[in-house]
Protein backbone atom coordinates (compact mmCIF):
# COMPACT_ATOMS: atom_id res chain seq x y z
CA MET A 1 -54.49 66.18 -46.21
CA GLU A 2 -54.44 62.44 -47.27
CA LEU A 3 -50.59 60.85 -47.69
CA SER A 4 -51.75 59.92 -51.37
CA GLN A 5 -52.94 63.43 -52.08
CA GLU A 6 -49.49 64.88 -50.84
CA LEU A 7 -47.22 62.41 -53.08
CA LYS A 8 -49.51 63.44 -55.87
CA GLN A 9 -49.28 67.27 -54.95
CA ARG A 10 -44.86 66.75 -54.92
CA ARG A 11 -44.96 65.17 -57.97
CA GLU A 12 -47.41 67.70 -59.89
CA GLU A 13 -44.80 70.43 -58.38
CA LEU A 14 -41.73 68.73 -59.44
CA GLY A 15 -43.49 67.78 -63.02
CA VAL A 16 -42.88 64.11 -62.69
CA THR A 17 -44.85 62.06 -64.80
CA GLN A 18 -46.65 58.41 -63.09
CA GLU A 19 -45.09 56.55 -65.33
CA TYR A 20 -41.29 58.40 -65.07
CA LEU A 21 -42.60 58.13 -61.05
CA ALA A 22 -42.81 54.36 -61.22
CA GLU A 23 -39.75 54.07 -63.02
CA LEU A 24 -37.82 56.44 -61.02
CA ALA A 25 -38.46 54.42 -57.83
CA GLY A 26 -39.01 51.06 -59.08
CA VAL A 27 -42.91 50.30 -58.19
CA GLY A 28 -45.11 49.69 -60.95
CA LEU A 29 -47.11 52.10 -62.96
CA ARG A 30 -50.35 50.52 -61.09
CA THR A 31 -49.22 51.08 -58.17
CA ILE A 32 -48.50 54.60 -58.58
CA LYS A 33 -52.45 55.04 -60.24
CA ALA A 34 -54.27 52.98 -57.16
CA PHE A 35 -52.45 54.92 -54.30
CA GLU A 36 -52.95 58.19 -56.22
CA SER A 37 -56.87 57.41 -56.43
CA GLY A 38 -57.06 56.09 -53.31
CA LYS A 39 -57.73 52.39 -54.18
CA ALA A 40 -55.15 50.76 -52.31
CA ASN A 41 -52.65 51.37 -49.45
CA PRO A 42 -48.47 51.25 -50.47
CA ARG A 43 -46.16 49.12 -48.32
CA LEU A 44 -43.86 50.61 -46.45
CA GLU A 45 -41.11 49.28 -48.57
CA THR A 46 -42.85 51.65 -51.51
CA LEU A 47 -43.81 54.54 -49.79
CA THR A 48 -40.16 54.77 -48.66
CA LYS A 49 -39.29 54.52 -52.60
CA LEU A 50 -42.01 57.08 -53.60
CA SER A 51 -40.69 59.26 -50.62
CA GLU A 52 -37.04 59.40 -51.14
CA VAL A 53 -37.93 59.83 -55.31
CA LEU A 54 -40.04 63.30 -54.69
CA GLY A 55 -37.63 64.23 -51.79
CA MET A 56 -39.51 64.32 -48.64
CA GLU A 57 -39.54 62.68 -45.34
CA LEU A 58 -41.30 60.35 -43.79
CA VAL A 59 -41.94 61.52 -40.09
CA TRP A 60 -43.97 58.84 -37.97
CA SER A 61 -45.89 59.61 -34.49
CA ILE A 62 -48.35 57.25 -32.31
CA LYS A 63 -50.84 58.35 -30.70
CA LYS A 64 -51.96 57.25 -27.34
CA ILE A 65 -55.28 56.56 -27.78
CA ASN A 66 -57.68 57.44 -24.58
CA PRO A 67 -60.06 54.23 -23.63
């Protein structure tokens, strides 16, 4: 599942509207809508705010690319 879908699913599980999530995270409603619709990718700062509000943890993994 893509990150945008994960965040949207979590938001819906919590019963939080896009508008309220934007308010809680201190980001624009357009940002939330664009991200959830797959039209944009959030900056790391925005992603951190969203995950904190939704009670999620960001986990980074680095993959080695074989030539």
